[in-house]
Amino acid sequence: MLKLYVGNKNYSSWSMRPWVAMMQTGIAFEEVYVRFDSFSADSQFKQRMNGINPAGKVPVLQDGDLSIWDTLAIGEYLAENFPEKNLWPADKATRARARSICAEMHSGFSALRSHCPMNIEALLPNRGALIWRDHAGVRADVQRIVEMWSQLLQSHGGPMLFGAFTLADAYYAPVVMRLHSYALPVPVLISEYMDRVQALPGVKAWVQAALAEKDFLAFEEPYRLQP
């Protein structure tokens, strides 16, 4: 059986992506949880992961002796091995568009990821309001996301970005959680899409597990240690 190595569900946005994709589409896998104690070279997390992934990070998908790391590579491997799950859109041009927006998430939106780290159990509207006021980069990232999602939802008719659920929705699920946790302002079309993503069984299962962790990590939440 496939093995998927993941970190703390409350914080690990990258782990969430393949986990949700596999859970939502019914791809059987064994979860291997590796707790974030810290990311220093001598941490238990790094010592565990360095033997599995030379980059020392999660997620990692193992298929027998083969290890696949990086969420884009994992997504492509799953799509190749489970074509019946329709992880990418069937149309060639639409599939290229879906891959493009996943790659954009992979390499972009640094302001949103930096200032609004994923924290599923927290509701941080006051902090979100300050971030929105003070960081133009966050406002620009959200504007780009709103434009992207709006165009796709209107073009494909919903309920997901490309009609049916694809890897693109799994890839942006952590963004949905960020927008929700920090209560960043978005139009109704986008908030309705966010509600549908949060209602997906795969996303609900991840969120429930994240809430059950009750594992506060101070190094992940420096803003909680400040007045």
C-alpha atoms as a PDB file:
ATOM      1  CA  MET A   1       0.000   0.000   0.000  1.00  0.00           C
ATOM      2  CA  LEU A   2       1.082   3.574  -0.627  1.00  0.00           C
ATOM      3  CA  LYS A   3       2.482   5.458   2.358  1.00  0.00           C
ATOM      4  CA  LEU A   4       2.109   9.217   2.767  1.00  0.00           C
ATOM      5  CA  TYR A   5       4.350  10.988   5.269  1.00  0.00           C
ATOM      6  CA  VAL A   6       2.745  14.115   6.698  1.00  0.00           C
ATOM      7  CA  GLY A   7       3.446  16.634   9.441  1.00  0.00           C
ATOM      8  CA  ASN A   8       1.118  18.292  11.945  1.00  0.00           C
ATOM      9  CA  LYS A   9      -2.238  18.686  10.249  1.00  0.00           C
ATOM     10  CA  ASN A  10      -2.914  21.977  11.998  1.00  0.00           C
ATOM     11  CA  TYR A  11       0.104  23.633  10.394  1.00  0.00           C
ATOM     12  CA  SER A  12       1.341  21.577   7.431  1.00  0.00           C
ATOM     13  CA  SER A  13      -0.248  23.108   4.354  1.00  0.00           C
ATOM     14  CA  TRP A  14       1.973  21.128   1.988  1.00  0.00           C
ATOM     15  CA  SER A  15       1.022  17.829   3.644  1.00  0.00           C
ATOM     16  CA  MET A  16      -2.647  18.729   3.309  1.00  0.00           C
ATOM     17  CA  ARG A  17      -2.560  18.853  -0.483  1.00  0.00           C
ATOM     18  CA  PRO A  18      -1.828  15.208  -1.419  1.00  0.00           C
ATOM     19  CA  TRP A  19      -3.637  13.886   1.676  1.00  0.00           C
ATOM     20  CA  VAL A  20      -6.864  15.635   0.671  1.00  0.00           C
ATOM     21  CA  ALA A  21      -6.464  14.582  -2.965  1.00  0.00           C
ATOM     22  CA  MET A  22      -6.066  10.928  -2.015  1.00  0.00           C
ATOM     23  CA  MET A  23      -8.764  10.927   0.635  1.00  0.00           C
ATOM     24  CA  GLN A  24     -11.273  12.767  -1.543  1.00  0.00           C
ATOM     25  CA  THR A  25     -10.801  10.431  -4.513  1.00  0.00           C
ATOM     26  CA  GLY A  26     -10.593   7.196  -2.538  1.00  0.00           C
ATOM     27  CA  ILE A  27      -6.954   6.306  -3.185  1.00  0.00           C
ATOM     28  CA  ALA A  28      -5.959   3.923  -0.400  1.00  0.00           C
ATOM     29  CA  PHE A  29      -2.875   4.868   1.589  1.00  0.00           C
ATOM     30  CA  GLU A  30      -1.240   4.474   4.966  1.00  0.00           C
ATOM     31  CA  GLU A  31      -0.585   7.744   6.749  1.00  0.00           C
ATOM     32  CA  VAL A  32       2.755   8.144   8.523  1.00  0.00           C
ATOM     33  CA  TYR A  33       2.676  11.093  10.906  1.00  0.00           C
ATOM     34  CA  VAL A  34       5.950  12.861  11.703  1.00  0.00           C
ATOM     35  CA  ARG A  35       5.528  15.535  14.354  1.00  0.00           C
ATOM     36  CA  PHE A  36       7.077  18.963  13.926  1.00  0.00           C
ATOM     37  CA  ASP A  37       9.326  19.279  16.976  1.00  0.00           C
ATOM     38  CA  SER A  38      11.452  21.839  15.111  1.00  0.00           C
ATOM     39  CA  PHE A  39      13.155  22.139  11.755  1.00  0.00           C
ATOM     40  CA  SER A  40      16.735  22.346  13.021  1.00  0.00           C
ATOM     41  CA  ALA A  41      19.243  19.868  11.645  1.00  0.00           C
ATOM     42  CA  ASP A  42      19.313  17.896  14.901  1.00  0.00           C
ATOM     43  CA  SER A  43      15.536  17.777  15.396  1.00  0.00           C
ATOM     44  CA  GLN A  44      13.749  14.442  15.568  1.00  0.00           C
ATOM     45  CA  PHE A  45      11.685  15.549  12.573  1.00  0.00           C
ATOM     46  CA  LYS A  46      14.752  16.127  10.395  1.00  0.00           C
ATOM     47  CA  GLN A  47      16.447  12.956  11.593  1.00  0.00           C
ATOM     48  CA  ARG A  48      13.371  10.952  10.661  1.00  0.00           C
ATOM     49  CA  MET A  49      12.735  12.599   7.310  1.00  0.00           C
ATOM     50  CA  ASN A  50      16.327  12.816   6.066  1.00  0.00           C
ATOM     51  CA  GLY A  51      16.358   9.058   5.617  1.00  0.00           C
ATOM     52  CA  ILE A  52      13.210   9.214   3.490  1.00  0.00           C
ATOM     53  CA  ASN A  53      13.556  12.474   1.580  1.00  0.00           C
ATOM     54  CA  PRO A  54      16.964  14.062   0.930  1.00  0.00           C
ATOM     55  CA  ALA A  55      15.299  17.469   1.304  1.00  0.00           C
ATOM     56  CA  GLY A  56      14.201  16.484   4.811  1.00  0.00           C
ATOM     57  CA  LYS A  57      10.606  17.676   4.347  1.00  0.00           C
ATOM     58  CA  VAL A  58       7.041  16.424   4.186  1.00  0.00           C
ATOM     59  CA  PRO A  59       5.020  15.321   2.368  1.00  0.00           C
ATOM     60  CA  VAL A  60       6.612  12.217   0.912  1.00  0.00           C
ATOM     61  CA  LEU A  61       4.761   9.480  -0.933  1.00  0.00           C
ATOM     62  CA  GLN A  62       6.299   6.009  -0.792  1.00  0.00           C
ATOM     63  CA  ASP A  63       5.381   3.290  -3.246  1.00  0.00           C
ATOM     64  CA  GLY A  64       7.443   0.286  -2.289  1.00  0.00           C
ATOM     65  CA  ASP A  65      11.093   1.332  -2.511  1.00  0.00           C
ATOM     66  CA  LEU A  66      10.266   4.501  -4.426  1.00  0.00           C
ATOM     67  CA  SER A  67       9.986   7.820  -2.577  1.00  0.00           C
ATOM     68  CA  ILE A  68       8.326  10.804  -4.259  1.00  0.00           C
ATOM     69  CA  TRP A  69       8.595  14.203  -2.637  1.00  0.00           C
ATOM     70  CA  ASP A  70       7.307  17.637  -3.599  1.00  0.00           C
ATOM     71  CA  THR A  71       3.558  17.985  -3.989  1.00  0.00           C
ATOM     72  CA  LEU A  72       3.629  18.539  -7.755  1.00  0.00           C
ATOM     73  CA  ALA A  73       5.603  15.343  -8.286  1.00  0.00           C
ATOM     74  CA  ILE A  74       3.282  13.456  -5.934  1.00  0.00           C
ATOM     75  CA  GLY A  75       0.230  14.759  -7.769  1.00  0.00           C
ATOM     76  CA  GLU A  76       1.602  13.742 -11.155  1.00  0.00           C
ATOM     77  CA  TYR A  77       2.529  10.281  -9.876  1.00  0.00           C
ATOM     78  CA  LEU A  78      -0.963   9.761  -8.497  1.00  0.00           C
ATOM     79  CA  ALA A  79      -2.572  10.997 -11.717  1.00  0.00           C
ATOM     80  CA  GLU A  80      -0.452   8.599 -13.791  1.00  0.00           C
ATOM     81  CA  ASN A  81      -1.125   5.608 -11.565  1.00  0.00           C
ATOM     82  CA  PHE A  82      -4.821   6.250 -10.959  1.00  0.00           C
ATOM     83  CA  PRO A  83      -6.178   7.683 -14.236  1.00  0.00           C
ATOM     84  CA  GLU A  84      -9.696   6.571 -13.316  1.00  0.00           C
ATOM     85  CA  LYS A  85      -9.689   9.071 -10.421  1.00  0.00           C
ATOM     86  CA  ASN A  86      -9.603  12.020 -12.862  1.00  0.00           C
ATOM     87  CA  LEU A  87      -7.183  14.027 -10.742  1.00  0.00           C
ATOM     88  CA  TRP A  88      -6.567  16.298 -13.736  1.00  0.00           C
ATOM     89  CA  PRO A  89      -9.219  17.581 -16.177  1.00  0.00           C
ATOM     90  CA  ALA A  90      -9.702  15.362 -19.220  1.00  0.00           C
ATOM     91  CA  ASP A  91      -9.328  18.143 -21.813  1.00  0.00           C
ATOM     92  CA  LYS A  92      -5.702  18.820 -22.764  1.00  0.00           C
ATOM     93  CA  ALA A  93      -5.924  22.619 -22.665  1.00  0.00           C
ATOM     94  CA  THR A  94      -7.899  22.625 -19.431  1.00  0.00           C
ATOM     95  CA  ARG A  95      -5.448  20.185 -17.917  1.00  0.00           C
ATOM     96  CA  ALA A  96      -2.584  22.521 -18.828  1.00  0.00           C
ATOM     97  CA  ARG A  97      -4.425  25.386 -17.136  1.00  0.00           C
ATOM     98  CA  ALA A  98      -4.938  23.321 -13.990  1.00  0.00           C
ATOM     99  CA  ARG A  99      -1.253  22.434 -13.906  1.00  0.00           C
ATOM    100  CA  SER A 100      -0.370  26.097 -14.414  1.00  0.00           C
ATOM    101  CA  ILE A 101      -2.341  27.328 -11.413  1.00  0.00           C
ATOM    102  CA  CYS A 102      -0.898  24.563  -9.227  1.00  0.00           C
ATOM    103  CA  ALA A 103       2.594  25.574 -10.293  1.00  0.00           C
ATOM    104  CA  GLU A 104       1.712  29.202  -9.552  1.00  0.00           C
ATOM    105  CA  MET A 105       0.726  28.244  -6.020  1.00  0.00           C
ATOM    106  CA  HIS A 106       3.900  26.233  -5.700  1.00  0.00           C
ATOM    107  CA  SER A 107       6.183  29.129  -6.564  1.00  0.00           C
ATOM    108  CA  GLY A 108       4.129  32.188  -5.689  1.00  0.00           C
ATOM    109  CA  PHE A 109       1.894  33.879  -3.116  1.00  0.00           C
ATOM    110  CA  SER A 110       4.861  34.293  -0.791  1.00  0.00           C
ATOM    111  CA  ALA A 111       3.345  37.224   1.098  1.00  0.00           C
ATOM    112  CA  LEU A 112       0.156  35.329   1.933  1.00  0.00           C
ATOM    113  CA  ARG A 113       2.083  32.216   2.957  1.00  0.00           C
ATOM    114  CA  SER A 114       4.559  34.220   5.038  1.00  0.00           C
ATOM    115  CA  HIS A 115       2.155  36.512   6.874  1.00  0.00           C
ATOM    116  CA  CYS A 116      -0.790  34.101   7.147  1.00  0.00           C
ATOM    117  CA  PRO A 117       0.643  30.670   7.968  1.00  0.00           C
ATOM    118  CA  MET A 118      -1.917  27.893   8.057  1.00  0.00           C
ATOM    119  CA  ASN A 119      -3.383  27.367  11.510  1.00  0.00           C
ATOM    120  CA  ILE A 120      -6.641  25.453  11.244  1.00  0.00           C
ATOM    121  CA  GLU A 121      -7.663  25.512  14.900  1.00  0.00           C
ATOM    122  CA  ALA A 122      -7.254  29.282  15.225  1.00  0.00           C
ATOM    123  CA  LEU A 123      -9.629  32.068  14.285  1.00  0.00           C
ATOM    124  CA  LEU A 124      -7.551  35.205  13.853  1.00  0.00           C
ATOM    125  CA  PRO A 125      -9.751  37.958  12.375  1.00  0.00           C
ATOM    126  CA  ASN A 126      -8.076  40.738  14.368  1.00  0.00           C
ATOM    127  CA  ARG A 127      -4.636  39.677  13.220  1.00  0.00           C
ATOM    128  CA  GLY A 128      -5.994  39.271   9.705  1.00  0.00           C
ATOM    129  CA  ALA A 129      -7.304  42.828   9.731  1.00  0.00           C
ATOM    130  CA  LEU A 130      -3.885  44.161  10.728  1.00  0.00           C
ATOM    131  CA  ILE A 131      -2.148  42.053   8.087  1.00  0.00           C
ATOM    132  CA  TRP A 132      -4.599  43.286   5.462  1.00  0.00           C
ATOM    133  CA  ARG A 133      -3.990  46.895   6.489  1.00  0.00           C
ATOM    134  CA  ASP A 134      -0.208  46.706   6.688  1.00  0.00           C
ATOM    135  CA  HIS A 135       0.901  44.324   3.927  1.00  0.00           C
ATOM    136  CA  ALA A 136       0.266  45.279   0.334  1.00  0.00           C
ATOM    137  CA  GLY A 137       1.768  41.981  -0.787  1.00  0.00           C
ATOM    138  CA  VAL A 138      -0.971  40.051   0.993  1.00  0.00           C
ATOM    139  CA  ARG A 139      -3.650  42.215  -0.608  1.00  0.00           C
ATOM    140  CA  ALA A 140      -2.055  41.628  -4.018  1.00  0.00           C
ATOM    141  CA  ASP A 141      -1.876  37.868  -3.470  1.00  0.00           C
ATOM    142  CA  VAL A 142      -5.523  37.708  -2.442  1.00  0.00           C
ATOM    143  CA  GLN A 143      -6.538  39.843  -5.403  1.00  0.00           C
ATOM    144  CA  ARG A 144      -4.767  37.430  -7.751  1.00  0.00           C
ATOM    145  CA  ILE A 145      -6.458  34.447  -6.075  1.00  0.00           C
ATOM    146  CA  VAL A 146      -9.875  36.101  -6.308  1.00  0.00           C
ATOM    147  CA  GLU A 147      -9.354  36.870 -10.002  1.00  0.00           C
ATOM    148  CA  MET A 148      -8.118  33.352 -10.740  1.00  0.00           C
ATOM    149  CA  TRP A 149     -10.851  31.522  -8.880  1.00  0.00           C
ATOM    150  CA  SER A 150     -13.586  33.814 -10.180  1.00  0.00           C
ATOM    151  CA  GLN A 151     -12.557  33.279 -13.801  1.00  0.00           C
ATOM    152  CA  LEU A 152     -12.355  29.496 -13.381  1.00  0.00           C
ATOM    153  CA  LEU A 153     -15.638  29.175 -11.497  1.00  0.00           C
ATOM    154  CA  GLN A 154     -17.440  31.275 -14.070  1.00  0.00           C
ATOM    155  CA  SER A 155     -15.828  29.454 -17.004  1.00  0.00           C
ATOM    156  CA  HIS A 156     -16.456  25.930 -15.764  1.00  0.00           C
ATOM    157  CA  GLY A 157     -19.677  26.475 -13.857  1.00  0.00           C
ATOM    158  CA  GLY A 158     -18.421  25.133 -10.545  1.00  0.00           C
ATOM    159  CA  PRO A 159     -18.832  23.714  -8.048  1.00  0.00           C
ATOM    160  CA  MET A 160     -15.046  23.300  -8.051  1.00  0.00           C
ATOM    161  CA  LEU A 161     -12.448  25.265 -10.003  1.00  0.00           C
ATOM    162  CA  PHE A 162     -12.637  22.992 -13.048  1.00  0.00           C
ATOM    163  CA  GLY A 163     -16.173  21.731 -12.550  1.00  0.00           C
ATOM    164  CA  ALA A 164     -15.507  18.447 -10.761  1.00  0.00           C
ATOM    165  CA  PHE A 165     -12.893  18.045  -8.025  1.00  0.00           C
ATOM    166  CA  THR A 166      -9.295  17.961  -9.264  1.00  0.00           C
ATOM    167  CA  LEU A 167      -5.809  18.336  -7.879  1.00  0.00           C
ATOM    168  CA  ALA A 168      -6.232  22.092  -8.282  1.00  0.00           C
ATOM    169  CA  ASP A 169      -8.874  22.168  -5.546  1.00  0.00           C
ATOM    170  CA  ALA A 170      -6.684  20.062  -3.267  1.00  0.00           C
ATOM    171  CA  TYR A 171      -3.760  22.355  -4.012  1.00  0.00           C
ATOM    172  CA  TYR A 172      -5.683  25.462  -3.016  1.00  0.00           C
ATOM    173  CA  ALA A 173      -7.451  23.920  -0.005  1.00  0.00           C
ATOM    174  CA  PRO A 174      -4.802  25.325   2.400  1.00  0.00           C
ATOM    175  CA  VAL A 175      -5.389  28.764   0.872  1.00  0.00           C
ATOM    176  CA  VAL A 176      -9.072  28.380   1.678  1.00  0.00           C
ATOM    177  CA  MET A 177      -8.126  27.603   5.268  1.00  0.00           C
ATOM    178  CA  ARG A 178      -5.876  30.679   5.457  1.00  0.00           C
ATOM    179  CA  LEU A 179      -8.545  32.996   4.089  1.00  0.00           C
ATOM    180  CA  HIS A 180     -10.990  31.530   6.589  1.00  0.00           C
ATOM    181  CA  SER A 181      -8.708  31.638   9.654  1.00  0.00           C
ATOM    182  CA  TYR A 182      -7.622  35.241   9.091  1.00  0.00           C
ATOM    183  CA  ALA A 183     -11.040  36.385   7.796  1.00  0.00           C
ATOM    184  CA  LEU A 184      -9.497  38.097   4.791  1.00  0.00           C
ATOM    185  CA  PRO A 185     -12.093  39.902   2.666  1.00  0.00           C
ATOM    186  CA  VAL A 186     -13.291  38.121  -0.471  1.00  0.00           C
ATOM    187  CA  PRO A 187     -16.412  38.492  -2.637  1.00  0.00           C
ATOM    188  CA  VAL A 188     -19.448  36.234  -2.271  1.00  0.00           C
ATOM    189  CA  LEU A 189     -18.532  34.035  -5.251  1.00  0.00           C
ATOM    190  CA  ILE A 190     -15.248  33.193  -3.557  1.00  0.00           C
ATOM    191  CA  SER A 191     -16.671  32.697  -0.066  1.00  0.00           C
ATOM    192  CA  GLU A 192     -19.240  30.292  -1.514  1.00  0.00           C
ATOM    193  CA  TYR A 193     -16.460  28.313  -3.192  1.00  0.00           C
ATOM    194  CA  MET A 194     -14.595  28.273   0.118  1.00  0.00           C
ATOM    195  CA  ASP A 195     -17.679  26.847   1.822  1.00  0.00           C
ATOM    196  CA  ARG A 196     -17.885  24.077  -0.773  1.00  0.00           C
ATOM    197  CA  VAL A 197     -14.199  23.212  -0.368  1.00  0.00           C
ATOM    198  CA  GLN A 198     -14.545  23.062   3.414  1.00  0.00           C
ATOM    199  CA  ALA A 199     -17.546  20.757   2.981  1.00  0.00           C
ATOM    200  CA  LEU A 200     -15.584  18.215   0.904  1.00  0.00           C
ATOM    201  CA  PRO A 201     -15.265  14.934   2.861  1.00  0.00           C
ATOM    202  CA  GLY A 202     -11.496  14.896   2.337  1.00  0.00           C
ATOM    203  CA  VAL A 203     -11.092  18.430   3.657  1.00  0.00           C
ATOM    204  CA  LYS A 204     -13.490  17.842   6.559  1.00  0.00           C
ATOM    205  CA  ALA A 205     -11.509  14.748   7.575  1.00  0.00           C
ATOM    206  CA  TRP A 206      -8.243  16.719   7.555  1.00  0.00           C
ATOM    207  CA  VAL A 207      -9.756  19.570   9.579  1.00  0.00           C
ATOM    208  CA  GLN A 208     -11.258  17.205  12.147  1.00  0.00           C
ATOM    209  CA  ALA A 209      -7.890  15.499  12.590  1.00  0.00           C
ATOM    210  CA  ALA A 210      -6.148  18.875  12.872  1.00  0.00           C
ATOM    211  CA  LEU A 211      -8.540  19.992  15.604  1.00  0.00           C
ATOM    212  CA  ALA A 212      -7.998  16.721  17.466  1.00  0.00           C
ATOM    213  CA  GLU A 213      -4.209  17.192  17.590  1.00  0.00           C
ATOM    214  CA  LYS A 214      -4.275  19.887  20.270  1.00  0.00           C
ATOM    215  CA  ASP A 215      -0.536  20.276  19.764  1.00  0.00           C
ATOM    216  CA  PHE A 216       0.455  23.918  20.163  1.00  0.00           C
ATOM    217  CA  LEU A 217       3.888  24.555  18.636  1.00  0.00           C
ATOM    218  CA  ALA A 218       5.271  27.895  19.772  1.00  0.00           C
ATOM    219  CA  PHE A 219       7.777  28.139  16.917  1.00  0.00           C
ATOM    220  CA  GLU A 220       4.886  27.873  14.449  1.00  0.00           C
ATOM    221  CA  GLU A 221       2.888  30.624  16.169  1.00  0.00           C
ATOM    222  CA  PRO A 222       5.187  33.471  17.258  1.00  0.00           C
ATOM    223  CA  TYR A 223       2.271  35.895  16.843  1.00  0.00           C
ATOM    224  CA  ARG A 224       0.448  34.131  19.686  1.00  0.00           C
ATOM    225  CA  LEU A 225       3.297  34.958  22.038  1.00  0.00           C
ATOM    226  CA  GLN A 226       2.983  38.681  21.452  1.00  0.00           C
ATOM    227  CA  PRO A 227       0.474  41.071  23.102  1.00  0.00           C
END
